[in-house]
């Protein structure tokens, strides 16, 4: 009788089916794992701390503004070069906060609203990207405001990765005056 050979063939087939099922399960499990688990970490949300414009006229020891000059060494972050070269009319001032236990280091840029409103979206993005990149080199995130304390854009990074993973967000007013985030 050929029955034993048929059963042997079935056993081999079952073994191949089990191997295939196991392989399929491993592949599907790998594909279903969210990409965020494979990445080194998410980009943090921008700081929700309020803009402290009074620090421009009454700075405290822990902050740096465009008016802060250290005669002994380079003041960090150094955004004077960007302000003097191409952003003099747009970038009015900034307040740099060192890192704390609660938040990473950040720079709040204060822009001239009249100039900002004349810029196209791509020009605003370019401004935020250039100054955000400069601040990132010193380990700072960036928020952009006008003097009415309205948030206009952010440049936020996860500095625990190499290179740092960063995200730019801007807000624009649509034709009926409502803000939306891009």
C-alpha atoms as a PDB file:
ATOM      1  CA  UNK A   1       0.000   0.000   0.000  1.00  0.00           C
ATOM      2  CA  UNK A   2       1.041   3.496  -0.697  1.00  0.00           C
ATOM      3  CA  UNK A   3      -0.742   5.017   2.295  1.00  0.00           C
ATOM      4  CA  UNK A   4       2.431   5.434   4.455  1.00  0.00           C
ATOM      5  CA  UNK A   5       4.153   7.377   1.675  1.00  0.00           C
ATOM      6  CA  UNK A   6       1.087   9.596   1.314  1.00  0.00           C
ATOM      7  CA  UNK A   7       1.087  10.278   5.066  1.00  0.00           C
ATOM      8  CA  UNK A   8       4.823  11.025   4.944  1.00  0.00           C
ATOM      9  CA  UNK A   9       4.168  13.486   2.154  1.00  0.00           C
ATOM     10  CA  UNK A  10       1.362  15.048   4.204  1.00  0.00           C
ATOM     11  CA  UNK A  11       3.719  15.416   7.178  1.00  0.00           C
ATOM     12  CA  UNK A  12       6.238  17.236   4.973  1.00  0.00           C
ATOM     13  CA  UNK A  13       3.462  19.405   3.590  1.00  0.00           C
ATOM     14  CA  UNK A  14       2.234  20.214   7.108  1.00  0.00           C
ATOM     15  CA  UNK A  15       5.772  21.113   8.148  1.00  0.00           C
ATOM     16  CA  UNK A  16       6.115  23.428   5.132  1.00  0.00           C
ATOM     17  CA  UNK A  17       2.711  24.988   5.883  1.00  0.00           C
ATOM     18  CA  UNK A  18       3.735  25.563   9.520  1.00  0.00           C
ATOM     19  CA  UNK A  19       7.024  27.129   8.409  1.00  0.00           C
ATOM     20  CA  UNK A  20       5.200  29.296   5.883  1.00  0.00           C
ATOM     21  CA  UNK A  21       2.626  30.341   8.516  1.00  0.00           C
ATOM     22  CA  UNK A  22       5.379  31.210  10.963  1.00  0.00           C
ATOM     23  CA  UNK A  23       7.262  33.193   8.321  1.00  0.00           C
ATOM     24  CA  UNK A  24       4.064  35.006   7.290  1.00  0.00           C
ATOM     25  CA  UNK A  25       3.295  35.863  10.931  1.00  0.00           C
ATOM     26  CA  UNK A  26       6.799  37.280  11.449  1.00  0.00           C
ATOM     27  CA  UNK A  27       6.565  39.342   8.255  1.00  0.00           C
ATOM     28  CA  UNK A  28       3.116  40.720   9.093  1.00  0.00           C
ATOM     29  CA  UNK A  29       4.137  41.518  12.655  1.00  0.00           C
ATOM     30  CA  UNK A  30       7.140  43.419  11.345  1.00  0.00           C
ATOM     31  CA  UNK A  31       4.978  45.391   8.921  1.00  0.00           C
ATOM     32  CA  UNK A  32       2.266  46.177  11.481  1.00  0.00           C
ATOM     33  CA  UNK A  33       4.657  47.656  14.083  1.00  0.00           C
ATOM     34  CA  UNK A  34       4.195  51.423  13.915  1.00  0.00           C
ATOM     35  CA  UNK A  35       7.175  53.252  12.391  1.00  0.00           C
ATOM     36  CA  UNK A  36       7.364  55.485  15.468  1.00  0.00           C
ATOM     37  CA  UNK A  37       8.611  52.499  17.482  1.00  0.00           C
ATOM     38  CA  UNK A  38      11.443  51.979  15.032  1.00  0.00           C
ATOM     39  CA  UNK A  39      12.497  55.635  15.084  1.00  0.00           C
ATOM     40  CA  UNK A  40      14.688  57.056  17.833  1.00  0.00           C
ATOM     41  CA  UNK A  41      11.913  59.248  19.215  1.00  0.00           C
ATOM     42  CA  UNK A  42       9.313  61.776  18.198  1.00  0.00           C
ATOM     43  CA  UNK A  43       9.929  65.454  17.659  1.00  0.00           C
ATOM     44  CA  UNK A  44       8.685  67.232  20.772  1.00  0.00           C
ATOM     45  CA  UNK A  45       5.866  69.741  20.663  1.00  0.00           C
ATOM     46  CA  UNK A  46       6.857  73.410  20.754  1.00  0.00           C
ATOM     47  CA  UNK A  47       6.989  75.010  24.168  1.00  0.00           C
ATOM     48  CA  UNK A  48       3.678  76.321  25.464  1.00  0.00           C
ATOM     49  CA  UNK A  49       5.341  78.858  27.773  1.00  0.00           C
ATOM     50  CA  UNK A  50       4.134  82.424  27.256  1.00  0.00           C
ATOM     51  CA  UNK A  51       6.265  84.965  25.410  1.00  0.00           C
ATOM     52  CA  UNK A  52       7.844  87.264  28.011  1.00  0.00           C
ATOM     53  CA  UNK A  53       8.330  90.570  26.180  1.00  0.00           C
ATOM     54  CA  UNK A  54       9.236  92.366  29.422  1.00  0.00           C
ATOM     55  CA  UNK A  55      12.557  90.476  29.351  1.00  0.00           C
ATOM     56  CA  UNK A  56      13.580  92.625  26.371  1.00  0.00           C
ATOM     57  CA  UNK A  57      13.740  95.721  28.578  1.00  0.00           C
ATOM     58  CA  UNK A  58      14.384  94.027  31.939  1.00  0.00           C
ATOM     59  CA  UNK A  59      16.469  90.951  31.136  1.00  0.00           C
ATOM     60  CA  UNK A  60      17.223  88.426  33.842  1.00  0.00           C
ATOM     61  CA  UNK A  61      20.586  86.725  34.192  1.00  0.00           C
ATOM     62  CA  UNK A  62      19.436  83.491  32.608  1.00  0.00           C
ATOM     63  CA  UNK A  63      18.189  84.937  29.295  1.00  0.00           C
ATOM     64  CA  UNK A  64      20.009  86.333  26.281  1.00  0.00           C
ATOM     65  CA  UNK A  65      18.515  88.970  23.999  1.00  0.00           C
ATOM     66  CA  UNK A  66      19.736  90.790  20.907  1.00  0.00           C
ATOM     67  CA  UNK A  67      20.984  93.479  23.308  1.00  0.00           C
ATOM     68  CA  UNK A  68      23.041  91.060  25.442  1.00  0.00           C
ATOM     69  CA  UNK A  69      26.756  91.258  24.756  1.00  0.00           C
ATOM     70  CA  UNK A  70      29.396  89.232  26.544  1.00  0.00           C
ATOM     71  CA  UNK A  71      32.764  91.019  26.209  1.00  0.00           C
ATOM     72  CA  UNK A  72      34.725  87.888  27.167  1.00  0.00           C
ATOM     73  CA  UNK A  73      33.368  85.271  24.764  1.00  0.00           C
ATOM     74  CA  UNK A  74      30.785  84.516  22.085  1.00  0.00           C
ATOM     75  CA  UNK A  75      27.269  84.740  23.438  1.00  0.00           C
ATOM     76  CA  UNK A  76      25.242  81.624  22.648  1.00  0.00           C
ATOM     77  CA  UNK A  77      23.027  81.441  20.702  1.00  0.00           C
ATOM     78  CA  UNK A  78      24.548  83.919  18.309  1.00  0.00           C
ATOM     79  CA  UNK A  79      21.861  85.228  15.973  1.00  0.00           C
ATOM     80  CA  UNK A  80      23.438  88.645  15.423  1.00  0.00           C
ATOM     81  CA  UNK A  81      25.028  87.550  12.166  1.00  0.00           C
ATOM     82  CA  UNK A  82      21.655  86.502  10.759  1.00  0.00           C
ATOM     83  CA  UNK A  83      20.054  89.714  11.985  1.00  0.00           C
ATOM     84  CA  UNK A  84      22.743  91.967  10.518  1.00  0.00           C
ATOM     85  CA  UNK A  85      23.129  90.176   7.191  1.00  0.00           C
ATOM     86  CA  UNK A  86      19.668  89.486   5.905  1.00  0.00           C
ATOM     87  CA  UNK A  87      17.032  89.767   8.571  1.00  0.00           C
ATOM     88  CA  UNK A  88      17.656  93.245   9.966  1.00  0.00           C
ATOM     89  CA  UNK A  89      14.236  94.616   9.058  1.00  0.00           C
ATOM     90  CA  UNK A  90      12.294  91.404   9.734  1.00  0.00           C
ATOM     91  CA  UNK A  91      13.962  90.146  12.920  1.00  0.00           C
ATOM     92  CA  UNK A  92      13.552  92.807  15.605  1.00  0.00           C
ATOM     93  CA  UNK A  93      14.774  90.955  18.680  1.00  0.00           C
ATOM     94  CA  UNK A  94      14.968  87.585  20.394  1.00  0.00           C
ATOM     95  CA  UNK A  95      14.909  86.066  23.844  1.00  0.00           C
ATOM     96  CA  UNK A  96      16.970  82.919  24.398  1.00  0.00           C
ATOM     97  CA  UNK A  97      16.103  80.694  27.342  1.00  0.00           C
ATOM     98  CA  UNK A  98      18.607  78.059  28.480  1.00  0.00           C
ATOM     99  CA  UNK A  99      17.449  74.490  28.977  1.00  0.00           C
ATOM    100  CA  UNK A 100      15.725  73.705  32.261  1.00  0.00           C
ATOM    101  CA  UNK A 101      14.458  70.577  33.977  1.00  0.00           C
ATOM    102  CA  UNK A 102      11.050  71.185  32.404  1.00  0.00           C
ATOM    103  CA  UNK A 103      11.945  72.355  28.890  1.00  0.00           C
ATOM    104  CA  UNK A 104      14.729  72.238  26.313  1.00  0.00           C
ATOM    105  CA  UNK A 105      16.554  75.444  25.365  1.00  0.00           C
ATOM    106  CA  UNK A 106      14.556  77.751  23.112  1.00  0.00           C
ATOM    107  CA  UNK A 107      14.768  81.085  21.354  1.00  0.00           C
ATOM    108  CA  UNK A 108      11.691  83.265  20.927  1.00  0.00           C
ATOM    109  CA  UNK A 109      12.144  85.436  17.839  1.00  0.00           C
ATOM    110  CA  UNK A 110      10.144  88.661  17.634  1.00  0.00           C
ATOM    111  CA  UNK A 111       9.529  89.833  14.095  1.00  0.00           C
ATOM    112  CA  UNK A 112       8.239  93.015  12.550  1.00  0.00           C
ATOM    113  CA  UNK A 113       4.606  92.144  11.756  1.00  0.00           C
ATOM    114  CA  UNK A 114       4.438  94.543   8.789  1.00  0.00           C
ATOM    115  CA  UNK A 115       7.388  92.881   7.062  1.00  0.00           C
ATOM    116  CA  UNK A 116       6.207  89.368   8.037  1.00  0.00           C
ATOM    117  CA  UNK A 117       2.785  89.971   6.520  1.00  0.00           C
ATOM    118  CA  UNK A 118       4.370  91.006   3.200  1.00  0.00           C
ATOM    119  CA  UNK A 119       6.257  87.724   2.884  1.00  0.00           C
ATOM    120  CA  UNK A 120       4.961  84.808   0.858  1.00  0.00           C
ATOM    121  CA  UNK A 121       4.631  81.449   2.607  1.00  0.00           C
ATOM    122  CA  UNK A 122       7.897  80.151   1.103  1.00  0.00           C
ATOM    123  CA  UNK A 123       9.768  83.272   2.292  1.00  0.00           C
ATOM    124  CA  UNK A 124       8.441  82.795   5.824  1.00  0.00           C
ATOM    125  CA  UNK A 125       9.408  79.129   5.716  1.00  0.00           C
ATOM    126  CA  UNK A 126      12.895  80.065   4.487  1.00  0.00           C
ATOM    127  CA  UNK A 127      13.298  82.590   7.323  1.00  0.00           C
ATOM    128  CA  UNK A 128      12.211  80.067   9.965  1.00  0.00           C
ATOM    129  CA  UNK A 129      14.409  77.365   8.436  1.00  0.00           C
ATOM    130  CA  UNK A 130      17.536  79.565   8.303  1.00  0.00           C
ATOM    131  CA  UNK A 131      17.217  80.930  11.826  1.00  0.00           C
ATOM    132  CA  UNK A 132      16.016  77.582  13.145  1.00  0.00           C
ATOM    133  CA  UNK A 133      19.083  75.901  11.660  1.00  0.00           C
ATOM    134  CA  UNK A 134      21.346  78.530  13.223  1.00  0.00           C
ATOM    135  CA  UNK A 135      19.691  78.067  16.627  1.00  0.00           C
ATOM    136  CA  UNK A 136      19.722  74.259  16.254  1.00  0.00           C
ATOM    137  CA  UNK A 137      23.521  74.403  15.955  1.00  0.00           C
ATOM    138  CA  UNK A 138      23.547  75.774  19.515  1.00  0.00           C
ATOM    139  CA  UNK A 139      20.937  73.254  20.771  1.00  0.00           C
ATOM    140  CA  UNK A 140      17.945  75.625  20.761  1.00  0.00           C
ATOM    141  CA  UNK A 141      14.399  75.265  19.439  1.00  0.00           C
ATOM    142  CA  UNK A 142      12.748  78.352  17.925  1.00  0.00           C
ATOM    143  CA  UNK A 143       9.382  80.030  18.208  1.00  0.00           C
ATOM    144  CA  UNK A 144       8.440  83.083  16.117  1.00  0.00           C
ATOM    145  CA  UNK A 145       6.106  85.789  17.456  1.00  0.00           C
ATOM    146  CA  UNK A 146       5.020  89.322  16.653  1.00  0.00           C
ATOM    147  CA  UNK A 147       4.819  92.065  19.296  1.00  0.00           C
ATOM    148  CA  UNK A 148       1.162  91.206  19.864  1.00  0.00           C
ATOM    149  CA  UNK A 149       2.450  87.870  21.225  1.00  0.00           C
ATOM    150  CA  UNK A 150       0.771  85.923  18.406  1.00  0.00           C
ATOM    151  CA  UNK A 151       2.615  82.679  17.560  1.00  0.00           C
ATOM    152  CA  UNK A 152       3.621  82.706  13.889  1.00  0.00           C
ATOM    153  CA  UNK A 153       5.917  79.686  13.478  1.00  0.00           C
ATOM    154  CA  UNK A 154       8.037  77.104  15.281  1.00  0.00           C
ATOM    155  CA  UNK A 155      11.197  75.119  14.550  1.00  0.00           C
ATOM    156  CA  UNK A 156      11.368  72.229  16.993  1.00  0.00           C
ATOM    157  CA  UNK A 157      13.969  69.461  17.154  1.00  0.00           C
ATOM    158  CA  UNK A 158      14.609  66.152  18.841  1.00  0.00           C
ATOM    159  CA  UNK A 159      18.238  66.647  19.866  1.00  0.00           C
ATOM    160  CA  UNK A 160      18.518  63.040  21.112  1.00  0.00           C
ATOM    161  CA  UNK A 161      19.019  61.873  17.533  1.00  0.00           C
ATOM    162  CA  UNK A 162      22.009  62.355  15.277  1.00  0.00           C
ATOM    163  CA  UNK A 163      21.421  64.288  13.177  1.00  0.00           C
ATOM    164  CA  UNK A 164      18.658  66.101  15.058  1.00  0.00           C
ATOM    165  CA  UNK A 165      15.167  65.502  13.681  1.00  0.00           C
ATOM    166  CA  UNK A 166      13.375  68.828  13.255  1.00  0.00           C
ATOM    167  CA  UNK A 167       9.933  70.066  12.316  1.00  0.00           C
ATOM    168  CA  UNK A 168       8.762  73.476  11.085  1.00  0.00           C
ATOM    169  CA  UNK A 169       5.210  74.626  11.710  1.00  0.00           C
ATOM    170  CA  UNK A 170       3.758  77.917  10.557  1.00  0.00           C
ATOM    171  CA  UNK A 171       0.421  79.569  11.051  1.00  0.00           C
ATOM    172  CA  UNK A 172      -1.176  81.556   8.287  1.00  0.00           C
ATOM    173  CA  UNK A 173      -4.286  83.651   8.196  1.00  0.00           C
ATOM    174  CA  UNK A 174      -6.715  82.650   5.523  1.00  0.00           C
ATOM    175  CA  UNK A 175      -8.767  85.172   3.562  1.00  0.00           C
ATOM    176  CA  UNK A 176     -11.387  85.504   6.296  1.00  0.00           C
ATOM    177  CA  UNK A 177      -8.773  86.062   9.020  1.00  0.00           C
ATOM    178  CA  UNK A 178      -8.815  82.655  10.717  1.00  0.00           C
ATOM    179  CA  UNK A 179      -5.538  81.088  11.789  1.00  0.00           C
ATOM    180  CA  UNK A 180      -4.558  77.615  10.716  1.00  0.00           C
ATOM    181  CA  UNK A 181      -1.428  75.614  11.248  1.00  0.00           C
ATOM    182  CA  UNK A 182       0.566  74.163   8.338  1.00  0.00           C
END
